Amino acid sequence: MDDRIKEHLQQLNKYHLHLAEMRKLKREVFLQDAVFQGAAERFLQLAIESCLNIGNRILSLQQFQKPLDPPQTYADIFLSLKDIGVIDQDLSDRLVMMAKFCNRLVHLYWEISPEKIFEIVQNNLEDFKLFEKKIVEFVRIP
């Protein structure tokens, strides 16, 4: 396995573990604590960026197999991963939404409610594990 992919997978796992711990918090506790909210936002951003970095690395390595159009947006990374068979349509759709959400986290952070962050932490963390599984399967195929 490529060392950069391996490193980003390790980071993704670390961020997922932090978020999984936050998932244990009761809604009221989370919504009343700005530190938990800020930490969750940051760990979500880092986890998503890890997925983007992994996807970009896969695409750059695939360029040696056959020419690919470079992604124009972060969302395009996940569309390209679907096109080359790394992930399926359903996961691609969810990851595209994740990339768009990351952009909002960075550039429109004041528009994101603590309730939305709590909802994502409660309901969407398994997408990171599924992405990790699909990447590992893809890079181990001879």
C-alpha atoms as a PDB file:
ATOM      1  CA  MET A   1       0.000   0.000   0.000  1.00  0.00           C
ATOM      2  CA  ASP A   2       1.185   3.492  -0.833  1.00  0.00           C
ATOM      3  CA  ASP A   3       2.697   5.188   2.231  1.00  0.00           C
ATOM      4  CA  ARG A   4       0.708   8.405   1.810  1.00  0.00           C
ATOM      5  CA  ILE A   5      -2.567   6.519   1.585  1.00  0.00           C
ATOM      6  CA  LYS A   6      -1.633   4.493   4.626  1.00  0.00           C
ATOM      7  CA  GLU A   7      -0.775   7.633   6.600  1.00  0.00           C
ATOM      8  CA  HIS A   8      -4.058   9.329   5.667  1.00  0.00           C
ATOM      9  CA  LEU A   9      -6.007   6.177   6.554  1.00  0.00           C
ATOM     10  CA  GLN A  10      -4.370   6.203   9.983  1.00  0.00           C
ATOM     11  CA  GLN A  11      -5.322   9.848  10.446  1.00  0.00           C
ATOM     12  CA  LEU A  12      -8.878   9.160   9.271  1.00  0.00           C
ATOM     13  CA  ASN A  13      -9.156   6.362  11.802  1.00  0.00           C
ATOM     14  CA  LYS A  14      -7.914   8.654  14.585  1.00  0.00           C
ATOM     15  CA  TYR A  15     -10.489  11.341  13.737  1.00  0.00           C
ATOM     16  CA  HIS A  16     -13.234   8.743  13.478  1.00  0.00           C
ATOM     17  CA  LEU A  17     -12.386   7.465  16.970  1.00  0.00           C
ATOM     18  CA  HIS A  18     -12.608  10.996  18.404  1.00  0.00           C
ATOM     19  CA  LEU A  19     -15.959  11.534  16.716  1.00  0.00           C
ATOM     20  CA  ALA A  20     -17.227   8.142  17.895  1.00  0.00           C
ATOM     21  CA  GLU A  21     -16.471   9.231  21.469  1.00  0.00           C
ATOM     22  CA  MET A  22     -18.447  12.427  20.884  1.00  0.00           C
ATOM     23  CA  ARG A  23     -21.342  10.353  19.593  1.00  0.00           C
ATOM     24  CA  LYS A  24     -21.770   9.074  23.158  1.00  0.00           C
ATOM     25  CA  LEU A  25     -22.636  12.551  24.426  1.00  0.00           C
ATOM     26  CA  LYS A  26     -26.238  13.301  25.203  1.00  0.00           C
ATOM     27  CA  ARG A  27     -27.821  15.866  22.908  1.00  0.00           C
ATOM     28  CA  GLU A  28     -28.330  18.398  25.731  1.00  0.00           C
ATOM     29  CA  VAL A  29     -24.706  18.129  26.851  1.00  0.00           C
ATOM     30  CA  PHE A  30     -23.394  18.582  23.318  1.00  0.00           C
ATOM     31  CA  LEU A  31     -25.670  21.515  22.515  1.00  0.00           C
ATOM     32  CA  GLN A  32     -24.707  23.354  25.705  1.00  0.00           C
ATOM     33  CA  ASP A  33     -20.938  22.979  25.294  1.00  0.00           C
ATOM     34  CA  ALA A  34     -19.149  25.104  22.719  1.00  0.00           C
ATOM     35  CA  VAL A  35     -15.941  23.130  23.223  1.00  0.00           C
ATOM     36  CA  PHE A  36     -17.609  19.850  22.205  1.00  0.00           C
ATOM     37  CA  GLN A  37     -19.224  21.592  19.240  1.00  0.00           C
ATOM     38  CA  GLY A  38     -15.941  23.126  18.085  1.00  0.00           C
ATOM     39  CA  ALA A  39     -14.056  19.864  18.516  1.00  0.00           C
ATOM     40  CA  ALA A  40     -16.701  17.963  16.556  1.00  0.00           C
ATOM     41  CA  GLU A  41     -16.592  20.506  13.736  1.00  0.00           C
ATOM     42  CA  ARG A  42     -12.813  20.310  13.529  1.00  0.00           C
ATOM     43  CA  PHE A  43     -12.659  16.509  13.663  1.00  0.00           C
ATOM     44  CA  LEU A  44     -15.344  16.311  10.958  1.00  0.00           C
ATOM     45  CA  GLN A  45     -13.341  18.708   8.803  1.00  0.00           C
ATOM     46  CA  LEU A  46     -10.130  16.732   9.322  1.00  0.00           C
ATOM     47  CA  ALA A  47     -11.835  13.402   8.625  1.00  0.00           C
ATOM     48  CA  ILE A  48     -13.381  14.720   5.415  1.00  0.00           C
ATOM     49  CA  GLU A  49     -10.084  16.242   4.315  1.00  0.00           C
ATOM     50  CA  SER A  50      -8.391  12.903   4.976  1.00  0.00           C
ATOM     51  CA  CYS A  51     -10.910  11.244   2.645  1.00  0.00           C
ATOM     52  CA  LEU A  52     -10.251  13.917   0.027  1.00  0.00           C
ATOM     53  CA  ASN A  53      -6.484  13.453   0.332  1.00  0.00           C
ATOM     54  CA  ILE A  54      -6.827   9.691   0.003  1.00  0.00           C
ATOM     55  CA  GLY A  55      -9.077  10.067  -3.015  1.00  0.00           C
ATOM     56  CA  ASN A  56      -6.735  12.534  -4.653  1.00  0.00           C
ATOM     57  CA  ARG A  57      -3.778  10.205  -4.089  1.00  0.00           C
ATOM     58  CA  ILE A  58      -5.657   7.252  -5.606  1.00  0.00           C
ATOM     59  CA  LEU A  59      -6.529   9.348  -8.648  1.00  0.00           C
ATOM     60  CA  SER A  60      -2.967  10.568  -9.078  1.00  0.00           C
ATOM     61  CA  LEU A  61      -1.649   7.000  -8.916  1.00  0.00           C
ATOM     62  CA  GLN A  62      -4.287   5.855 -11.405  1.00  0.00           C
ATOM     63  CA  GLN A  63      -2.994   8.426 -13.896  1.00  0.00           C
ATOM     64  CA  PHE A  64      -0.147   5.991 -14.554  1.00  0.00           C
ATOM     65  CA  GLN A  65      -2.668   3.314 -15.609  1.00  0.00           C
ATOM     66  CA  LYS A  66      -4.862   5.469 -17.829  1.00  0.00           C
ATOM     67  CA  PRO A  67      -5.319   9.218 -18.241  1.00  0.00           C
ATOM     68  CA  LEU A  68      -8.013  10.734 -16.045  1.00  0.00           C
ATOM     69  CA  ASP A  69      -9.451  14.214 -16.090  1.00  0.00           C
ATOM     70  CA  PRO A  70      -8.274  16.006 -12.969  1.00  0.00           C
ATOM     71  CA  PRO A  71     -11.048  16.822 -10.492  1.00  0.00           C
ATOM     72  CA  GLN A  72     -12.175  20.435 -10.653  1.00  0.00           C
ATOM     73  CA  THR A  73     -13.796  20.442  -7.203  1.00  0.00           C
ATOM     74  CA  TYR A  74     -13.496  18.419  -4.033  1.00  0.00           C
ATOM     75  CA  ALA A  75     -16.817  16.765  -4.826  1.00  0.00           C
ATOM     76  CA  ASP A  76     -15.380  15.678  -8.186  1.00  0.00           C
ATOM     77  CA  ILE A  77     -12.815  13.548  -6.365  1.00  0.00           C
ATOM     78  CA  PHE A  78     -15.568  11.250  -5.133  1.00  0.00           C
ATOM     79  CA  LEU A  79     -17.290  11.217  -8.520  1.00  0.00           C
ATOM     80  CA  SER A  80     -14.009  10.154 -10.130  1.00  0.00           C
ATOM     81  CA  LEU A  81     -13.507   7.433  -7.509  1.00  0.00           C
ATOM     82  CA  LYS A  82     -16.936   6.100  -8.463  1.00  0.00           C
ATOM     83  CA  ASP A  83     -16.047   6.240 -12.158  1.00  0.00           C
ATOM     84  CA  ILE A  84     -12.925   4.092 -11.666  1.00  0.00           C
ATOM     85  CA  GLY A  85     -14.749   1.595  -9.460  1.00  0.00           C
ATOM     86  CA  VAL A  86     -13.382   2.429  -6.020  1.00  0.00           C
ATOM     87  CA  ILE A  87     -16.780   3.294  -4.524  1.00  0.00           C
ATOM     88  CA  ASP A  88     -20.371   2.758  -5.579  1.00  0.00           C
ATOM     89  CA  GLN A  89     -22.977   5.375  -6.524  1.00  0.00           C
ATOM     90  CA  ASP A  90     -24.613   5.461  -3.081  1.00  0.00           C
ATOM     91  CA  LEU A  91     -21.366   6.075  -1.198  1.00  0.00           C
ATOM     92  CA  SER A  92     -20.246   8.547  -3.848  1.00  0.00           C
ATOM     93  CA  ASP A  93     -23.449  10.554  -3.369  1.00  0.00           C
ATOM     94  CA  ARG A  94     -22.941  10.680   0.402  1.00  0.00           C
ATOM     95  CA  LEU A  95     -19.264  11.626   0.067  1.00  0.00           C
ATOM     96  CA  VAL A  96     -20.091  14.385  -2.420  1.00  0.00           C
ATOM     97  CA  MET A  97     -22.447  15.831   0.191  1.00  0.00           C
ATOM     98  CA  MET A  98     -19.672  15.454   2.747  1.00  0.00           C
ATOM     99  CA  ALA A  99     -17.242  17.417   0.546  1.00  0.00           C
ATOM    100  CA  LYS A 100     -19.796  20.195   0.150  1.00  0.00           C
ATOM    101  CA  PHE A 101     -20.362  20.205   3.902  1.00  0.00           C
ATOM    102  CA  CYS A 102     -16.604  20.517   4.487  1.00  0.00           C
ATOM    103  CA  ASN A 103     -16.569  23.572   2.258  1.00  0.00           C
ATOM    104  CA  ARG A 104     -19.326  25.078   4.411  1.00  0.00           C
ATOM    105  CA  LEU A 105     -17.382  24.197   7.567  1.00  0.00           C
ATOM    106  CA  VAL A 106     -14.404  26.158   6.285  1.00  0.00           C
ATOM    107  CA  HIS A 107     -16.043  29.066   4.480  1.00  0.00           C
ATOM    108  CA  LEU A 108     -19.575  29.435   5.888  1.00  0.00           C
ATOM    109  CA  TYR A 109     -19.054  28.063   9.381  1.00  0.00           C
ATOM    110  CA  TRP A 110     -21.363  30.612  10.989  1.00  0.00           C
ATOM    111  CA  GLU A 111     -24.295  29.135   9.062  1.00  0.00           C
ATOM    112  CA  ILE A 112     -23.889  25.646  10.522  1.00  0.00           C
ATOM    113  CA  SER A 113     -25.966  24.972  13.593  1.00  0.00           C
ATOM    114  CA  PRO A 114     -24.777  22.873  16.524  1.00  0.00           C
ATOM    115  CA  GLU A 115     -27.856  20.708  15.937  1.00  0.00           C
ATOM    116  CA  LYS A 116     -26.621  19.884  12.419  1.00  0.00           C
ATOM    117  CA  ILE A 117     -23.172  18.935  13.735  1.00  0.00           C
ATOM    118  CA  PHE A 118     -24.769  16.739  16.399  1.00  0.00           C
ATOM    119  CA  GLU A 119     -26.971  15.066  13.774  1.00  0.00           C
ATOM    120  CA  ILE A 120     -24.003  14.302  11.527  1.00  0.00           C
ATOM    121  CA  VAL A 121     -21.970  12.883  14.408  1.00  0.00           C
ATOM    122  CA  GLN A 122     -24.910  10.686  15.388  1.00  0.00           C
ATOM    123  CA  ASN A 123     -25.874   9.472  11.915  1.00  0.00           C
ATOM    124  CA  ASN A 124     -23.028   9.661   9.408  1.00  0.00           C
ATOM    125  CA  LEU A 125     -19.776   8.451  10.929  1.00  0.00           C
ATOM    126  CA  GLU A 126     -20.017   5.014   9.360  1.00  0.00           C
ATOM    127  CA  ASP A 127     -19.464   6.580   5.946  1.00  0.00           C
ATOM    128  CA  PHE A 128     -15.853   7.120   7.005  1.00  0.00           C
ATOM    129  CA  LYS A 129     -15.429   3.437   7.874  1.00  0.00           C
ATOM    130  CA  LEU A 130     -17.080   2.310   4.642  1.00  0.00           C
ATOM    131  CA  PHE A 131     -14.831   4.629   2.652  1.00  0.00           C
ATOM    132  CA  GLU A 132     -11.796   3.223   4.460  1.00  0.00           C
ATOM    133  CA  LYS A 133     -12.914  -0.331   3.687  1.00  0.00           C
ATOM    134  CA  LYS A 134     -13.415   0.447  -0.010  1.00  0.00           C
ATOM    135  CA  ILE A 135     -10.002   2.113  -0.260  1.00  0.00           C
ATOM    136  CA  VAL A 136      -8.237  -0.822   1.381  1.00  0.00           C
ATOM    137  CA  GLU A 137     -10.032  -3.246  -0.947  1.00  0.00           C
ATOM    138  CA  PHE A 138      -9.094  -1.190  -3.996  1.00  0.00           C
ATOM    139  CA  VAL A 139      -5.408  -0.756  -3.212  1.00  0.00           C
ATOM    140  CA  ARG A 140      -4.981  -4.445  -2.398  1.00  0.00           C
ATOM    141  CA  ILE A 141      -6.369  -5.602  -5.729  1.00  0.00           C
ATOM    142  CA  PRO A 142      -3.404  -6.681  -7.880  1.00  0.00           C
END
